[in-house]
Amino acid sequence: MTTEKQEFGSLSPEERQSIIVEKVNATGRVVAATLAQEFGVSEDLIRRDLRDLSDAGLVQRFHGGASRLVTPALDFHRRETVGAGEKQLIGRAAAAAIPEGATLLVDSSTTVIHFLRSLSPTLSVRIITTAVDVAAAALDHPLAEVIMIGGRLGRLTRTATGASAIEAIRALKADYCILGTCGVDNNLMVRADDFDDAYLKATMIKASNKTLLLATAEKLGQVATYEVAPVSVVSTLFTSNHDNAILKRIQELGVDVDLS
């Protein structure tokens, strides 16, 4: 065992991370404390490994460890093109609800990119985001003031995360939070696939007067790993899903539903 730890301890980060991915795929999940013992390194080092692997879309992080991805993560730009017509309709409907002079706190969803592109060019708005692609799309709007909150960038979500981003959002008070989602499960909980993204979304909701949720049809009834917030915190759900059962339950919570 001592010899094994010495061998593991001499591994490069890339070699160690490769072994971690193999363990995750073989067993389904790993725990940071156990990995630290096996490799003979600190838990902080293992947590950094897991964060890097999560950012690369190779594992799914959870508190204290990581698990196998349920489905392979799609590249952000590939996801933007999947169901583009549906996302465009949803984005257009949500954009029509934004009044003159509004301050928008916008997350990293591909659907909100279509929302930004649908905002009237004569509308004066302030757009605040942590997402690289969202900021770039917002800059194409002729009258928008664009503010980007910085932090450590995640490769999968292409958005800033970490304590500095969270603290900056907590200090804000926006008129609207514009969110995409990885799913709204049958317990009517808004969910996300990424731990940091889930926490970021929850913080954005608390920092806003109203939350607009943009969800393509397959997202309703969909389960993702991490809880964001109960759907009851949403002011309006913009979707193309016509499942009367789940929409009725959502409406009974006081959420307006706009069908595209």
Protein backbone atom coordinates (compact mmCIF):
# COMPACT_ATOMS: atom_id res chain seq x y z
CA MET A 1 0.00 0.00 0.00
CA THR A 2 2.84 2.40 0.85
CA THR A 3 4.54 1.64 -2.46
CA GLU A 4 1.27 2.27 -4.31
CA LYS A 5 0.85 5.64 -2.58
CA GLN A 6 4.43 6.60 -3.48
CA GLU A 7 3.78 5.69 -7.12
CA PHE A 8 0.49 7.62 -7.16
CA GLY A 9 2.15 10.58 -5.44
CA SER A 10 4.62 10.94 -8.31
CA LEU A 11 1.89 11.14 -10.96
CA SER A 12 1.34 14.27 -13.00
CA PRO A 13 -2.09 15.98 -12.66
CA GLU A 14 -3.05 14.66 -16.12
CA GLU A 15 -2.12 11.07 -15.17
CA ARG A 16 -3.95 11.33 -11.85
CA GLN A 17 -7.06 12.77 -13.49
CA SER A 18 -7.03 10.03 -16.13
CA ILE A 19 -7.08 7.40 -13.38
CA ILE A 20 -9.90 9.24 -11.58
CA VAL A 21 -12.03 9.21 -14.75
CA GLU A 22 -11.41 5.46 -15.10
CA LYS A 23 -12.51 4.94 -11.48
CA VAL A 24 -15.65 7.02 -11.98
CA ASN A 25 -16.62 5.16 -15.15
CA ALA A 26 -15.93 1.78 -13.52
CA THR A 27 -17.72 2.35 -10.18
CA GLY A 28 -20.17 5.16 -10.94
CA ARG A 29 -18.87 7.55 -8.27
CA VAL A 30 -15.80 8.48 -6.24
CA VAL A 31 -15.31 10.29 -2.92
CA ALA A 32 -12.62 12.97 -2.58
CA ALA A 33 -11.45 11.83 0.86
CA THR A 34 -10.98 8.24 -0.33
CA LEU A 35 -9.12 9.35 -3.46
CA ALA A 36 -6.82 11.54 -1.37
CA GLN A 37 -5.88 8.49 0.72
CA GLU A 38 -5.36 6.30 -2.32
CA PHE A 39 -3.17 8.82 -4.11
CA GLY A 40 -1.38 10.03 -0.99
CA VAL A 41 -2.22 13.67 -1.73
CA SER A 42 -4.38 16.35 -0.11
CA GLU A 43 -8.16 16.53 -0.46
CA ASP A 44 -7.75 20.08 -1.80
CA LEU A 45 -5.68 18.69 -4.68
CA ILE A 46 -8.29 16.02 -5.43
CA ARG A 47 -11.08 18.61 -5.32
CA ARG A 48 -9.17 20.67 -7.90
CA ASP A 49 -8.85 17.55 -10.05
CA LEU A 50 -12.59 16.90 -9.82
CA ARG A 51 -13.37 20.52 -10.64
CA ASP A 52 -11.12 20.38 -13.73
CA LEU A 53 -12.73 17.12 -14.85
CA SER A 54 -16.19 18.58 -14.32
CA ASP A 55 -15.29 21.70 -16.32
CA ALA A 56 -14.08 19.43 -19.12
CA GLY A 57 -17.43 17.61 -19.11
CA LEU A 58 -15.92 14.27 -18.05
CA VAL A 59 -17.55 13.81 -14.62
CA GLN A 60 -20.47 15.21 -12.62
CA ARG A 61 -19.41 16.86 -9.35
CA PHE A 62 -21.30 16.57 -6.10
CA HIS A 63 -20.40 17.74 -2.60
CA GLY A 64 -17.43 15.60 -1.54
CA GLY A 65 -16.89 13.73 -4.78
CA ALA A 66 -17.94 13.09 -8.36
CA SER A 67 -20.11 10.68 -10.34
CA ARG A 68 -20.41 9.34 -13.85
CA LEU A 69 -22.19 11.63 -16.30
CA VAL A 70 -25.73 10.46 -17.01
CA THR A 71 -25.42 11.67 -20.60
CA PRO A 72 -22.38 13.04 -22.43
CA ALA A 73 -22.17 16.83 -22.18
CA LEU A 74 -22.77 18.65 -25.44
CA ASP A 75 -20.50 21.50 -26.40
CA PHE A 76 -22.16 24.90 -25.80
CA HIS A 77 -22.24 25.85 -29.48
CA ARG A 78 -23.64 22.45 -30.47
CA ARG A 79 -26.36 22.83 -27.83
CA GLU A 80 -27.21 26.27 -29.24
CA THR A 81 -28.11 24.72 -32.60
CA VAL A 82 -30.18 21.83 -31.15
CA GLY A 83 -33.87 22.79 -31.39
CA ALA A 84 -32.91 26.28 -32.56
CA GLY A 85 -36.35 27.00 -34.03
CA GLU A 86 -38.12 26.12 -30.78
CA LYS A 87 -35.64 28.13 -28.72
CA GLN A 88 -36.11 31.09 -31.03
CA LEU A 89 -39.89 31.07 -30.52
CA ILE A 90 -39.51 30.85 -26.74
CA GLY A 91 -36.86 33.57 -26.72
CA ARG A 92 -39.03 35.87 -28.83
CA ALA A 93 -42.01 35.46 -26.49
CA ALA A 94 -39.90 36.20 -23.41
CA ALA A 95 -38.23 39.20 -25.07
CA ALA A 96 -41.64 40.74 -25.72
CA ALA A 97 -42.27 40.83 -21.96
CA ILE A 98 -39.30 43.11 -21.19
CA PRO A 99 -40.17 46.79 -20.58
CA GLU A 100 -38.10 49.85 -21.37
CA GLY A 101 -35.25 50.55 -18.96
CA ALA A 102 -35.23 47.10 -17.32
CA THR A 103 -32.16 45.61 -15.67
CA LEU A 104 -31.74 41.96 -16.63
CA LEU A 105 -29.67 39.35 -14.83
CA VAL A 106 -29.08 36.69 -17.50
CA ASP A 107 -27.69 33.16 -17.07
CA SER A 108 -25.65 30.98 -19.44
CA SER A 109 -28.41 28.98 -21.16
CA THR A 110 -28.36 28.60 -24.95
CA THR A 111 -32.07 29.45 -25.02
CA VAL A 112 -31.41 32.88 -23.51
CA ILE A 113 -29.04 33.61 -26.41
CA HIS A 114 -32.12 33.49 -28.64
CA PHE A 115 -33.93 35.70 -26.10
CA LEU A 116 -31.21 38.34 -26.37
CA ARG A 117 -31.29 38.28 -30.15
CA SER A 118 -35.06 38.84 -30.03
CA LEU A 119 -34.96 41.97 -27.85
CA SER A 120 -36.25 45.00 -29.72
CA PRO A 121 -33.35 47.11 -31.03
CA THR A 122 -35.19 50.23 -29.83
CA LEU A 123 -35.37 48.93 -26.24
CA SER A 124 -32.93 50.46 -23.75
CA VAL A 125 -31.93 47.81 -21.21
CA ARG A 126 -29.09 46.89 -18.87
CA ILE A 127 -27.84 43.30 -19.21
CA ILE A 128 -25.74 41.75 -16.44
CA THR A 129 -24.27 38.29 -16.90
CA THR A 130 -21.49 35.92 -15.88
CA ALA A 131 -21.55 34.13 -19.26
CA VAL A 132 -19.07 34.81 -22.06
CA ASP A 133 -21.45 33.96 -24.92
CA VAL A 134 -24.34 35.89 -23.37
CA ALA A 135 -22.17 38.99 -23.00
CA ALA A 136 -21.03 38.69 -26.62
CA ALA A 137 -24.63 38.34 -27.86
CA ALA A 138 -25.75 41.26 -25.69
CA LEU A 139 -23.07 43.49 -27.23
CA ASP A 140 -24.81 43.10 -30.59
CA HIS A 141 -27.83 44.96 -29.19
CA PRO A 142 -27.49 48.65 -30.18
CA LEU A 143 -28.84 50.18 -26.96
CA ALA A 144 -27.97 47.64 -24.26
CA GLU A 145 -25.57 48.47 -21.49
CA VAL A 146 -23.65 45.23 -20.91
CA ILE A 147 -21.98 44.36 -17.61
CA MET A 148 -20.04 41.13 -17.23
CA ILE A 149 -19.33 39.70 -13.77
CA GLY A 150 -15.95 37.99 -13.60
CA GLY A 151 -14.65 34.86 -11.94
CA ARG A 152 -13.28 31.45 -12.76
CA LEU A 153 -14.65 30.31 -16.12
CA GLY A 154 -16.14 26.82 -16.47
CA ARG A 155 -15.60 25.16 -19.87
CA LEU A 156 -18.92 23.34 -19.88
CA THR A 157 -21.18 26.28 -18.96
CA ARG A 158 -18.81 28.98 -20.32
CA THR A 159 -19.68 31.15 -17.34
CA ALA A 160 -17.86 32.67 -14.38
CA THR A 161 -18.29 30.85 -11.08
CA GLY A 162 -16.86 31.00 -7.59
CA ALA A 163 -17.10 33.23 -4.55
CA SER A 164 -16.34 36.51 -6.32
CA ALA A 165 -19.14 36.00 -8.86
CA ILE A 166 -21.62 34.96 -6.17
CA GLU A 167 -20.82 37.95 -3.97
CA ALA A 168 -21.15 40.35 -6.91
CA ILE A 169 -24.60 38.95 -7.75
CA ARG A 170 -25.75 39.09 -4.12
CA ALA A 171 -25.03 42.84 -4.13
CA LEU A 172 -27.38 43.41 -7.08
CA LYS A 173 -31.11 44.05 -7.38
CA ALA A 174 -32.27 43.34 -10.92
CA ASP A 175 -35.74 43.75 -12.36
CA TYR A 176 -35.69 40.38 -14.10
CA CYS A 177 -33.72 37.17 -13.84
CA ILE A 178 -33.69 35.36 -17.21
CA LEU A 179 -33.01 31.64 -16.77
CA GLY A 180 -32.70 28.56 -18.89
CA THR A 181 -32.90 25.18 -17.22
CA CYS A 182 -31.68 21.60 -17.56
CA GLY A 183 -35.05 20.42 -16.30
CA VAL A 184 -38.13 20.92 -14.17
CA ASP A 185 -38.76 17.57 -12.47
CA ASN A 186 -42.08 15.99 -11.51
CA ASN A 187 -41.72 17.49 -8.02
CA LEU A 188 -41.73 20.88 -9.78
CA MET A 189 -38.14 21.67 -8.88
CA VAL A 190 -35.97 23.65 -11.31
CA ARG A 191 -32.74 21.69 -11.76
CA ALA A 192 -29.27 21.95 -13.31
CA ASP A 193 -26.59 19.49 -14.43
CA ASP A 194 -23.68 21.44 -12.97
CA PHE A 195 -23.18 22.12 -9.23
CA ASP A 196 -21.71 25.62 -9.62
CA ASP A 197 -24.30 26.56 -12.24
CA ALA A 198 -27.14 25.49 -9.93
CA TYR A 199 -25.83 27.67 -7.10
CA LEU A 200 -25.31 30.58 -9.48
CA LYS A 201 -28.87 30.33 -10.81
CA ALA A 202 -30.30 30.20 -7.28
CA THR A 203 -28.34 33.34 -6.34
CA MET A 204 -29.55 35.15 -9.48
CA ILE A 205 -33.17 34.37 -8.60
CA LYS A 206 -32.76 35.85 -5.12
CA ALA A 207 -31.16 38.99 -6.57
CA SER A 208 -34.11 39.72 -8.90
CA ASN A 209 -37.65 41.03 -8.52
CA LYS A 210 -39.05 38.62 -11.12
CA THR A 211 -37.77 35.42 -12.72
CA LEU A 212 -38.58 34.39 -16.28
CA LEU A 213 -37.86 30.72 -16.99
CA LEU A 214 -37.26 29.66 -20.59
CA ALA A 215 -37.76 25.91 -21.06
CA THR A 216 -37.99 23.88 -24.24
CA ALA A 217 -40.62 21.13 -24.34
CA GLU A 218 -38.42 18.23 -23.26
CA LYS A 219 -37.22 20.09 -20.15
CA LEU A 220 -40.58 19.79 -18.35
CA GLY A 221 -40.59 16.54 -16.41
CA GLN A 222 -36.83 16.22 -16.94
CA VAL A 223 -34.56 15.29 -14.01
CA ALA A 224 -31.10 16.83 -13.62
CA THR A 225 -28.64 16.30 -10.78
CA TYR A 226 -28.79 19.52 -8.75
CA GLU A 227 -31.68 21.53 -7.31
CA VAL A 228 -31.89 25.21 -8.17
CA ALA A 229 -35.22 26.31 -6.67
CA PRO A 230 -38.90 25.32 -6.60
CA VAL A 231 -40.68 26.41 -9.77
CA SER A 232 -43.01 28.50 -7.57
CA VAL A 233 -40.31 31.23 -7.46
CA VAL A 234 -40.79 31.75 -11.20
CA SER A 235 -43.01 34.63 -12.32
CA THR A 236 -43.53 33.40 -15.88
CA LEU A 237 -42.63 30.14 -17.60
CA PHE A 238 -42.06 30.43 -21.34
CA THR A 239 -42.28 27.03 -23.03
CA SER A 240 -43.55 25.14 -26.05
CA ASN A 241 -44.62 22.14 -23.96
CA HIS A 242 -48.38 21.49 -24.16
CA ASP A 243 -48.55 18.82 -21.45
CA ASN A 244 -51.69 20.03 -19.69
CA ALA A 245 -51.05 17.97 -16.56
CA ILE A 246 -47.67 19.43 -15.60
CA LEU A 247 -48.58 22.93 -16.83
CA LYS A 248 -51.73 22.88 -14.72
CA ARG A 249 -49.70 21.94 -11.63
CA ILE A 250 -47.25 24.75 -12.34
CA GLN A 251 -50.05 27.28 -12.84
CA GLU A 252 -51.66 26.19 -9.57
CA LEU A 253 -48.49 27.44 -7.83
CA GLY A 254 -49.20 30.94 -9.17
CA VAL A 255 -46.78 30.79 -12.11
CA ASP A 256 -47.93 32.38 -15.37
CA VAL A 257 -47.38 30.13 -18.40
CA ASP A 258 -46.72 31.47 -21.89
CA LEU A 259 -46.95 28.86 -24.68
CA SER A 260 -44.94 29.56 -27.80
